[in-house]
Protein backbone atom coordinates (compact mmCIF):
# COMPACT_ATOMS: atom_id res chain seq x y z
CA UNK A 1 72.11 58.15 115.83
CA UNK A 2 71.53 59.13 119.52
CA UNK A 3 72.03 62.07 120.09
CA UNK A 4 75.34 62.91 122.60
CA UNK A 5 75.99 66.26 123.55
CA UNK A 6 78.96 67.59 124.81
CA UNK A 7 80.62 70.73 126.82
CA UNK A 8 84.30 69.78 125.96
CA UNK A 9 84.78 73.84 125.39
CA UNK A 10 84.42 74.59 129.14
CA UNK A 11 87.41 72.99 130.04
CA UNK A 12 89.33 75.89 128.38
CA UNK A 13 88.25 78.45 130.86
CA UNK A 14 87.02 81.95 130.53
CA UNK A 15 89.53 83.19 128.99
CA UNK A 16 88.11 81.35 125.13
CA UNK A 17 85.20 82.76 125.41
CA UNK A 18 82.29 84.78 126.67
CA UNK A 19 78.47 83.75 127.42
CA UNK A 20 75.82 85.79 125.65
CA UNK A 21 72.12 85.71 125.16
CA UNK A 22 70.69 85.27 121.19
CA UNK A 23 68.62 88.26 119.98
CA UNK A 24 65.13 88.18 120.78
CA UNK A 25 63.57 87.89 117.31
CA UNK A 26 59.88 88.77 115.45
CA UNK A 27 59.49 85.92 114.22
CA UNK A 28 60.90 82.33 113.46
CA UNK A 29 59.83 81.02 110.17
CA UNK A 30 61.94 78.37 108.93
CA UNK A 31 63.23 78.23 105.61
CA UNK A 32 65.97 74.96 105.82
CA UNK A 33 66.47 72.54 108.14
CA UNK A 34 69.03 70.00 106.79
CA UNK A 35 68.15 66.18 107.92
CA UNK A 36 70.71 65.01 106.52
CA UNK A 37 73.21 66.51 108.48
CA UNK A 38 70.69 65.92 111.28
CA UNK A 39 70.69 62.58 110.90
CA UNK A 40 74.27 62.18 111.76
CA UNK A 41 74.18 64.04 115.17
CA UNK A 42 70.82 62.69 116.14
CA UNK A 43 68.66 65.27 115.59
CA UNK A 44 66.64 65.07 112.60
CA UNK A 45 63.69 63.62 115.44
CA UNK A 46 62.99 67.06 116.18
CA UNK A 47 59.41 68.12 115.05
CA UNK A 48 59.63 71.76 112.76
CA UNK A 49 58.33 73.59 115.99
CA UNK A 50 60.97 71.76 118.30
CA UNK A 51 63.71 72.72 115.70
CA UNK A 52 62.95 76.85 115.67
CA UNK A 53 62.96 76.59 119.79
CA UNK A 54 66.27 75.10 119.48
CA UNK A 55 67.71 76.79 116.18
CA UNK A 56 65.81 80.12 116.25
CA UNK A 57 65.13 80.99 119.47
CA UNK A 58 68.04 79.01 121.07
CA UNK A 59 66.54 76.76 123.77
CA UNK A 60 69.68 75.02 125.41
CA UNK A 61 69.80 71.78 123.49
CA UNK A 62 69.56 68.86 126.81
CA UNK A 63 73.19 68.16 127.63
CA UNK A 64 74.75 71.05 125.88
CA UNK A 65 76.00 74.52 126.43
CA UNK A 66 73.38 75.96 128.51
CA UNK A 67 74.27 78.92 127.32
CA UNK A 68 76.11 80.79 124.04
CA UNK A 69 79.61 81.43 123.87
CA UNK A 70 80.89 83.92 121.88
CA UNK A 71 84.75 82.62 121.00
CA UNK A 72 87.45 85.36 121.51
CA UNK A 73 90.18 85.94 118.51
CA UNK A 74 92.28 88.01 116.91
CA UNK A 75 93.57 87.38 113.31
CA UNK A 76 95.08 88.42 110.12
CA UNK A 77 92.73 90.65 108.30
CA UNK A 78 93.88 90.80 104.37
CA UNK A 79 97.54 90.64 106.39
CA UNK A 80 96.94 93.24 108.74
CA UNK A 81 96.72 92.63 112.55
CA UNK A 82 93.62 93.16 114.26
CA UNK A 83 93.18 92.33 117.67
CA UNK A 84 89.99 93.21 118.05
CA UNK A 85 88.23 90.91 116.53
CA UNK A 86 86.06 87.84 118.24
CA UNK A 87 82.69 86.23 117.31
CA UNK A 88 80.50 89.67 116.58
CA UNK A 89 76.96 88.38 114.99
CA UNK A 90 77.24 84.74 116.27
CA UNK A 91 78.33 82.13 118.47
CA UNK A 92 78.47 78.83 119.47
CA UNK A 93 75.39 77.38 120.32
CA UNK A 94 76.41 73.71 120.85
CA UNK A 95 78.50 70.67 121.34
CA UNK A 96 77.53 67.22 120.04
CA UNK A 97 79.19 64.08 118.65
CA UNK A 98 78.24 62.26 115.27
CA UNK A 99 78.04 58.96 113.77
CA UNK A 100 81.84 58.62 113.73
CA UNK A 101 81.94 59.95 117.54
CA UNK A 102 83.63 62.90 116.30
CA UNK A 103 83.15 66.31 117.98
CA UNK A 104 80.97 69.17 116.33
CA UNK A 105 79.87 72.38 117.04
CA UNK A 106 76.94 73.98 115.72
CA UNK A 107 77.43 77.44 115.66
CA UNK A 108 76.02 80.78 114.03
CA UNK A 109 75.85 83.19 112.55
CA UNK A 110 73.38 86.56 112.71
CA UNK A 111 72.49 85.51 115.68
CA UNK A 112 72.79 88.87 117.39
CA UNK A 113 74.95 91.34 119.16
CA UNK A 114 78.25 90.34 121.49
CA UNK A 115 80.97 92.09 123.34
CA UNK A 116 82.51 91.30 119.70
CA UNK A 117 80.50 93.03 117.74
CA UNK A 118 82.33 96.33 117.16
CA UNK A 119 79.07 99.26 116.11
CA UNK A 120 77.53 96.34 114.26
CA UNK A 121 74.09 95.12 114.37
CA UNK A 122 74.53 91.33 115.08
CA UNK A 123 72.15 90.28 112.43
CA UNK A 124 72.67 88.12 108.48
CA UNK A 125 70.96 88.62 105.52
CA UNK A 126 68.21 86.56 104.65
CA UNK A 127 69.87 86.59 100.67
CA UNK A 128 73.24 85.92 102.85
CA UNK A 129 72.03 82.66 104.53
CA UNK A 130 71.12 81.39 101.03
CA UNK A 131 74.40 82.10 99.82
CA UNK A 132 75.66 79.90 102.64
CA UNK A 133 73.15 77.36 101.83
CA UNK A 134 73.98 76.95 98.35
CA UNK A 135 77.59 77.01 98.84
CA UNK A 136 78.18 74.54 101.53
CA UNK A 137 75.82 72.18 99.62
CA UNK A 138 78.21 72.51 96.64
CA UNK A 139 81.80 72.51 98.42
CA UNK A 140 80.43 69.16 100.22
CA UNK A 141 78.98 67.67 96.58
CA UNK A 142 82.34 68.57 95.22
CA UNK A 143 84.17 66.59 98.18
CA UNK A 144 85.26 69.60 99.82
CA UNK A 145 85.68 69.27 103.52
CA UNK A 146 83.30 72.12 104.50
CA UNK A 147 81.20 73.19 107.55
CA UNK A 148 77.35 72.60 106.52
CA UNK A 149 74.61 74.81 106.61
CA UNK A 150 72.55 72.97 109.47
CA UNK A 151 69.39 75.49 109.81
CA UNK A 152 67.92 78.76 108.49
CA UNK A 153 65.42 80.62 109.99
CA UNK A 154 64.12 83.53 108.90
CA UNK A 155 63.77 86.50 111.70
CA UNK A 156 61.20 88.88 110.47
CA UNK A 157 63.31 92.20 111.21
CA UNK A 158 64.24 94.57 107.96
CA UNK A 159 67.98 95.32 107.91
CA UNK A 160 70.14 98.11 106.24
CA UNK A 161 72.78 96.87 104.34
CA UNK A 162 75.26 99.41 101.62
CA UNK A 163 75.76 96.58 99.01
CA UNK A 164 72.59 95.13 98.90
CA UNK A 165 68.75 97.04 98.23
CA UNK A 166 67.51 97.92 101.74
CA UNK A 167 65.62 97.17 104.12
CA UNK A 168 66.00 93.81 103.28
CA UNK A 169 65.14 90.54 105.25
CA UNK A 170 67.06 88.91 108.24
CA UNK A 171 67.83 85.20 109.23
CA UNK A 172 69.27 83.21 111.49
CA UNK A 173 71.83 80.72 109.97
CA UNK A 174 73.25 77.13 112.16
CA UNK A 175 75.86 76.26 110.68
CA UNK A 176 77.36 72.20 111.91
CA UNK A 177 81.06 72.13 111.36
CA UNK A 178 84.40 70.09 113.37
CA UNK A 179 85.74 72.93 115.24
CA UNK A 180 85.27 76.65 115.53
CA UNK A 181 88.69 76.62 117.24
CA UNK A 182 90.82 79.30 114.43
CA UNK A 183 94.08 80.01 114.05
CA UNK A 184 93.61 83.32 115.61
CA UNK A 185 92.49 81.72 118.62
CA UNK A 186 95.80 81.17 118.62
CA UNK A 187 97.17 84.59 118.12
CA UNK A 188 94.86 86.04 120.77
CA UNK A 189 96.56 83.66 123.67
CA UNK A 190 99.94 84.47 122.32
CA UNK A 191 99.22 88.33 121.74
CA UNK A 192 98.44 88.59 125.55
CA UNK A 193 101.60 86.41 126.61
CA UNK A 194 99.39 83.75 127.80
CA UNK A 195 102.10 80.53 127.47
CA UNK A 196 99.51 78.92 129.69
CA UNK A 197 96.74 79.74 127.33
CA UNK A 198 98.18 78.45 123.74
CA UNK A 199 99.22 75.32 126.00
CA UNK A 200 96.23 74.32 127.32
CA UNK A 201 94.30 75.12 123.83
CA UNK A 202 96.99 72.54 121.96
CA UNK A 203 96.20 69.99 125.06
CA UNK A 204 92.13 71.00 124.41
CA UNK A 205 92.69 70.72 119.86
CA UNK A 206 95.00 67.27 120.24
CA UNK A 207 92.63 65.60 123.09
CA UNK A 208 89.24 66.99 121.37
CA UNK A 209 90.05 67.67 117.58
CA UNK A 210 92.71 65.43 116.36
CA UNK A 211 93.38 62.58 118.34
CA UNK A 212 95.69 60.92 115.65
CA UNK A 213 98.10 63.79 115.36
CA UNK A 214 101.53 62.87 116.02
CA UNK A 215 104.86 64.26 116.48
CA UNK A 216 107.95 64.44 118.69
CA UNK A 217 106.21 66.98 120.94
CA UNK A 218 102.31 68.29 121.53
CA UNK A 219 102.75 71.97 119.35
CA UNK A 220 104.78 69.27 116.58
CA UNK A 221 102.49 66.89 116.29
CA UNK A 222 99.11 69.65 116.16
CA UNK A 223 101.17 72.13 113.50
CA UNK A 224 101.56 69.27 111.49
CA UNK A 225 98.06 67.75 111.94
CA UNK A 226 97.38 71.83 110.99
CA UNK A 227 99.69 71.65 107.44
CA UNK A 228 97.81 69.06 106.47
CA UNK A 229 94.65 69.87 106.46
CA UNK A 230 95.35 73.60 104.52
CA UNK A 231 96.59 71.55 101.97
CA UNK A 232 94.41 69.63 101.67
CA UNK A 233 92.00 72.40 101.87
CA UNK A 234 93.58 74.49 98.85
CA UNK A 235 93.64 71.71 96.86
CA UNK A 236 90.19 71.19 97.01
CA UNK A 237 89.03 74.69 96.54
CA UNK A 238 90.93 74.49 93.63
CA UNK A 239 89.65 71.26 91.98
CA UNK A 240 86.37 72.44 92.34
CA UNK A 241 86.99 75.86 90.95
CA UNK A 242 85.90 77.83 94.61
CA UNK A 243 87.06 80.91 96.05
CA UNK A 244 86.98 81.40 99.47
CA UNK A 245 87.46 85.07 99.14
CA UNK A 246 88.23 85.87 102.90
CA UNK A 247 91.36 83.90 103.91
CA UNK A 248 91.91 85.49 106.62
CA UNK A 249 93.75 83.85 110.29
CA UNK A 250 90.31 84.33 112.13
CA UNK A 251 88.00 82.29 108.88
CA UNK A 252 90.88 78.96 109.42
CA UNK A 253 90.06 76.63 112.06
CA UNK A 254 92.49 74.15 113.03
CA UNK A 255 91.04 71.21 111.19
CA UNK A 256 91.17 72.55 108.08
CA UNK A 257 87.34 72.56 107.30
CA UNK A 258 86.86 75.49 105.48
CA UNK A 259 83.85 77.58 106.99
CA UNK A 260 82.36 81.27 106.93
CA UNK A 261 81.40 81.91 103.34
CA UNK A 262 81.29 85.79 102.62
CA UNK A 263 82.05 86.60 98.99
CA UNK A 264 82.45 83.52 97.65
CA UNK A 265 82.27 82.81 94.39
CA UNK A 266 82.83 79.66 92.05
CA UNK A 267 85.23 80.27 89.04
CA UNK A 268 83.78 80.58 84.94
CA UNK A 269 87.09 79.25 84.21
CA UNK A 270 90.87 78.56 84.70
CA UNK A 271 92.09 82.23 85.63
CA UNK A 272 94.72 82.37 88.83
CA UNK A 273 93.75 86.34 89.16
CA UNK A 274 89.98 85.82 89.59
CA UNK A 275 88.38 87.09 92.63
CA UNK A 276 85.60 87.06 94.82
CA UNK A 277 85.40 89.70 96.91
CA UNK A 278 85.06 93.10 95.48
CA UNK A 279 86.94 94.65 98.06
CA UNK A 280 89.76 92.13 97.11
CA UNK A 281 91.96 95.11 95.17
CA UNK A 282 95.00 93.33 94.95
CA UNK A 283 93.88 90.00 94.43
CA UNK A 284 95.32 88.72 98.08
CA UNK A 285 93.00 85.49 97.87
CA UNK A 286 92.78 85.30 93.99
CA UNK A 287 92.02 81.29 92.64
CA UNK A 288 95.32 80.83 91.86
CA UNK A 289 96.96 82.59 94.96
CA UNK A 290 95.22 80.66 98.01
CA UNK A 291 97.38 77.98 98.24
CA UNK A 292 99.90 81.14 98.84
CA UNK A 293 97.45 82.53 101.32
CA UNK A 294 97.04 79.52 103.50
CA UNK A 295 100.64 78.64 103.71
CA UNK A 296 100.82 82.26 104.78
CA UNK A 297 98.36 82.09 107.49
CA UNK A 298 100.49 78.61 108.62
CA UNK A 299 103.71 80.99 108.91
CA UNK A 300 101.29 83.06 111.47
CA UNK A 301 99.82 80.09 113.41
CA UNK A 302 103.53 78.59 114.16
CA UNK A 303 104.55 82.41 114.88
CA UNK A 304 101.31 82.68 117.24
CA UNK A 305 102.47 78.65 119.14
CA UNK A 306 106.58 80.61 119.60
CA UNK A 307 105.90 81.19 122.84
CA UNK A 308 105.49 77.43 123.79
CA UNK A 309 107.65 75.77 121.43
CA UNK A 310 111.34 75.07 119.78
CA UNK A 311 112.12 77.12 116.13
CA UNK A 312 113.22 73.25 114.96
CA UNK A 313 109.58 71.57 116.00
CA UNK A 314 107.70 73.79 114.01
CA UNK A 315 109.89 74.19 111.02
CA UNK A 316 109.93 71.06 110.33
CA UNK A 317 106.06 70.44 109.25
CA UNK A 318 105.88 73.74 108.16
CA UNK A 319 108.42 72.99 105.25
CA UNK A 320 106.23 69.98 104.82
CA UNK A 321 103.95 72.36 103.09
CA UNK A 322 104.78 72.85 99.38
CA UNK A 323 104.76 69.08 99.02
CA UNK A 324 101.45 67.98 100.96
CA UNK A 325 99.97 70.21 98.93
CA UNK A 326 100.98 68.68 95.57
CA UNK A 327 100.19 65.51 96.71
CA UNK A 328 96.96 66.73 97.57
CA UNK A 329 95.91 68.58 94.63
CA UNK A 330 96.59 65.16 92.95
CA UNK A 331 93.81 63.65 94.85
CA UNK A 332 91.76 65.82 94.73
CA UNK A 333 92.20 66.77 91.27
CA UNK A 334 91.83 62.97 89.73
CA UNK A 335 89.65 62.11 91.85
CA UNK A 336 86.84 64.96 90.79
CA UNK A 337 87.65 63.39 87.41
CA UNK A 338 87.53 60.40 88.72
CA UNK A 339 90.47 58.21 87.26
CA UNK A 340 92.89 55.61 88.11
CA UNK A 341 95.99 56.26 90.23
CA UNK A 342 99.03 55.45 88.46
CA UNK A 343 101.96 57.08 91.22
CA UNK A 344 103.06 60.14 92.57
CA UNK A 345 105.23 61.06 89.54
CA UNK A 346 102.31 60.18 86.82
CA UNK A 347 99.73 61.76 88.66
CA UNK A 348 101.31 65.63 88.93
CA UNK A 349 102.05 65.23 85.30
CA UNK A 350 98.16 64.85 84.36
CA UNK A 351 97.23 67.52 86.60
CA UNK A 352 99.91 70.01 85.26
CA UNK A 353 98.63 68.93 81.93
CA UNK A 354 94.98 69.53 83.10
CA UNK A 355 95.92 72.50 84.33
CA UNK A 356 97.91 74.16 81.25
CA UNK A 357 94.91 73.07 79.12
CA UNK A 358 92.40 74.47 81.32
CA UNK A 359 94.49 78.04 81.40
CA UNK A 360 94.90 78.30 77.87
CA UNK A 361 91.52 77.72 76.44
CA UNK A 362 89.65 79.28 79.66
CA UNK A 363 87.15 76.74 78.87
CA UNK A 364 84.18 76.38 81.69
CA UNK A 365 85.84 73.71 84.20
CA UNK A 366 82.63 72.64 85.18
CA UNK A 367 81.91 71.34 81.81
CA UNK A 368 85.65 70.00 81.25
CA UNK A 369 85.60 67.85 84.76
CA UNK A 370 81.80 66.35 83.13
CA UNK A 371 82.69 65.51 79.92
CA UNK A 372 86.01 63.42 81.01
CA UNK A 373 84.39 61.84 84.12
CA UNK A 374 86.45 58.56 84.35
CA UNK A 375 88.78 59.41 82.10
CA UNK A 376 86.70 58.69 79.09
CA UNK A 377 85.62 61.80 76.63
CA UNK A 378 81.89 62.35 76.09
CA UNK A 379 80.59 61.13 72.72
CA UNK A 380 78.91 64.83 72.05
CA UNK A 381 79.90 68.50 74.39
CA UNK A 382 79.84 71.60 73.56
CA UNK A 383 83.10 71.67 74.42
CA UNK A 384 84.08 69.86 71.94
CA UNK A 385 86.41 72.52 69.85
CA UNK A 386 88.29 72.77 73.19
CA UNK A 387 89.65 69.45 72.84
CA UNK A 388 91.09 69.63 69.58
CA UNK A 389 92.91 72.76 70.99
CA UNK A 390 96.83 72.23 71.08
CA UNK A 391 97.16 72.99 74.48
CA UNK A 392 95.07 69.56 75.33
CA UNK A 393 97.54 67.88 73.31
CA UNK A 394 99.64 66.71 76.65
CA UNK A 395 96.19 65.87 78.24
CA UNK A 396 95.09 63.68 75.45
CA UNK A 397 98.44 61.73 75.33
CA UNK A 398 98.27 61.16 79.46
CA UNK A 399 94.28 60.24 80.37
CA UNK A 400 93.97 56.67 78.40
CA UNK A 401 96.56 55.21 80.98
CA UNK A 402 94.11 56.40 83.42
CA UNK A 403 91.15 55.38 81.90
CA UNK A 404 88.53 54.15 84.68
CA UNK A 405 86.06 53.37 82.26
CA UNK A 406 82.16 55.16 81.89
CA UNK A 407 80.58 55.85 85.20
CA UNK A 408 77.56 54.12 85.65
CA UNK A 409 75.33 57.31 87.35
CA UNK A 410 72.71 58.49 85.28
CA UNK A 411 73.52 62.05 86.17
CA UNK A 412 77.00 61.52 83.89
CA UNK A 413 73.98 61.16 80.90
CA UNK A 414 72.60 64.93 81.76
CA UNK A 415 73.10 67.27 78.95
CA UNK A 416 74.69 69.57 81.28
CA UNK A 417 77.03 69.58 84.82
CA UNK A 418 75.27 71.39 87.60
CA UNK A 419 77.08 74.67 88.52
CA UNK A 420 77.04 77.24 90.28
CA UNK A 421 77.78 80.54 89.08
CA UNK A 422 76.70 84.21 90.30
CA UNK A 423 74.27 84.23 87.91
CA UNK A 424 72.72 81.14 88.99
CA UNK A 425 72.77 82.60 92.93
CA UNK A 426 70.89 85.89 91.35
CA UNK A 427 68.33 84.04 89.72
CA UNK A 428 67.66 81.12 92.64
CA UNK A 429 67.63 84.48 95.10
CA UNK A 430 65.32 86.66 92.53
CA UNK A 431 62.05 84.10 93.47
CA UNK A 432 62.51 84.20 96.92
CA UNK A 433 63.10 88.15 96.84
CA UNK A 434 60.14 88.43 94.33
CA UNK A 435 57.23 86.08 95.15
CA UNK A 436 58.52 84.22 98.25
CA UNK A 437 59.27 81.49 96.40
CA UNK A 438 61.32 78.46 97.97
CA UNK A 439 61.41 75.97 95.13
CA UNK A 440 63.52 76.86 92.52
CA UNK A 441 66.21 76.71 96.17
CA UNK A 442 64.72 73.45 97.03
CA UNK A 443 65.14 72.22 93.27
CA UNK A 444 69.04 73.18 93.35
CA UNK A 445 69.68 71.39 96.52
CA UNK A 446 68.11 68.70 95.46
CA UNK A 447 70.29 68.36 92.01
CA UNK A 448 73.46 69.68 93.99
CA UNK A 449 72.74 66.02 96.90
CA UNK A 450 72.58 64.13 93.30
CA UNK A 451 75.57 65.35 91.72
CA UNK A 452 77.36 64.46 95.03
CA UNK A 453 75.94 61.14 94.94
CA UNK A 454 77.54 60.44 91.25
CA UNK A 455 81.02 61.94 92.41
CA UNK A 456 80.62 59.54 95.53
CA UNK A 457 79.12 56.83 93.11
CA UNK A 458 82.89 56.52 91.28
């Protein structure tokens, strides 16, 4: 793959971003480089020194943006509108094409202050960067449409934080994803009654991010694309047993690709009320409410587009969300199970039977999907007692028709599934914090990628 730089974002104009400079960090110690992702955008040939210059010192990539851009946006945060948002500790560093010709962004986290920092220090803890590596690698392996952690560089600063022991080590992270255009990007234009800016943003998205979107009008095509992406995201979160934690409208992008991981968790059981953020006191973004949260966000996007669209243009696509979510949930759940598809009605019946059984038994969902991969029950499992529970009756009656046969990859012969519960996250951080030992983290990333290969192999 040959590196193919882009600057498409500049066509939006100065009202959408602020040129900024990266912080001058005391050190740039390369801790993680994602050569798998880099190969897809033609950057895997960089030496470590070049890598650190571009992703630690932020020397421009040739032909891409000459200066980083802090993007402007608004957003609902826990359903309270906030017009004082924007990239406060990150920026859009570069745009480029991948090996499929898609426009991608390289964005940062912890790269310094911007006009939108709101008295924050613009920095990222090293532990936060490690957590994002683990989240994105795990989600990618499980088939979730996610940003990818492209680079993590330790920066040599000591940070003060109220939610972890301080001072703590610092890092700058670079993520690769399809877009940083958020629902909140549209909300900002609507807030300022900028109809021309809204139209320009819709055109940018359709031209660069959703060229296949269709509809009777451009706005209808874009909202339809957003509904499809949000339904898919919600379904993939459920199948992965994942809780994002902060599904605010400034954290949802127009391409339906999950990104910006803060207080995430993988659920230890199929518990609709399980939350990731300690500050989510009412469970607004709990595991079982994520589909509802994303639908609510879509309505806010629709409201932002209302100045340039008729109600009917928006209403039609928005009303398709429930049926699209159900179809996407079948795709995600049965895809993770690795079974045959029999038809919409039959597929939904199996998904419902699975969920009823998982709720009733509160067993580890990772173990369930591991034990039943291909629709064939493992010969022996520590969860065997769960499968004799009455709640599994419907599932056991239905699954033989969906069975695709025992999977071939040797991962499925392991004793236990690859997981990422919070205790393991803390266990992986401990050797880094106490003795600067990164070997367990890199070993875990390798194990996660092996699991991903097993899922892709069928």
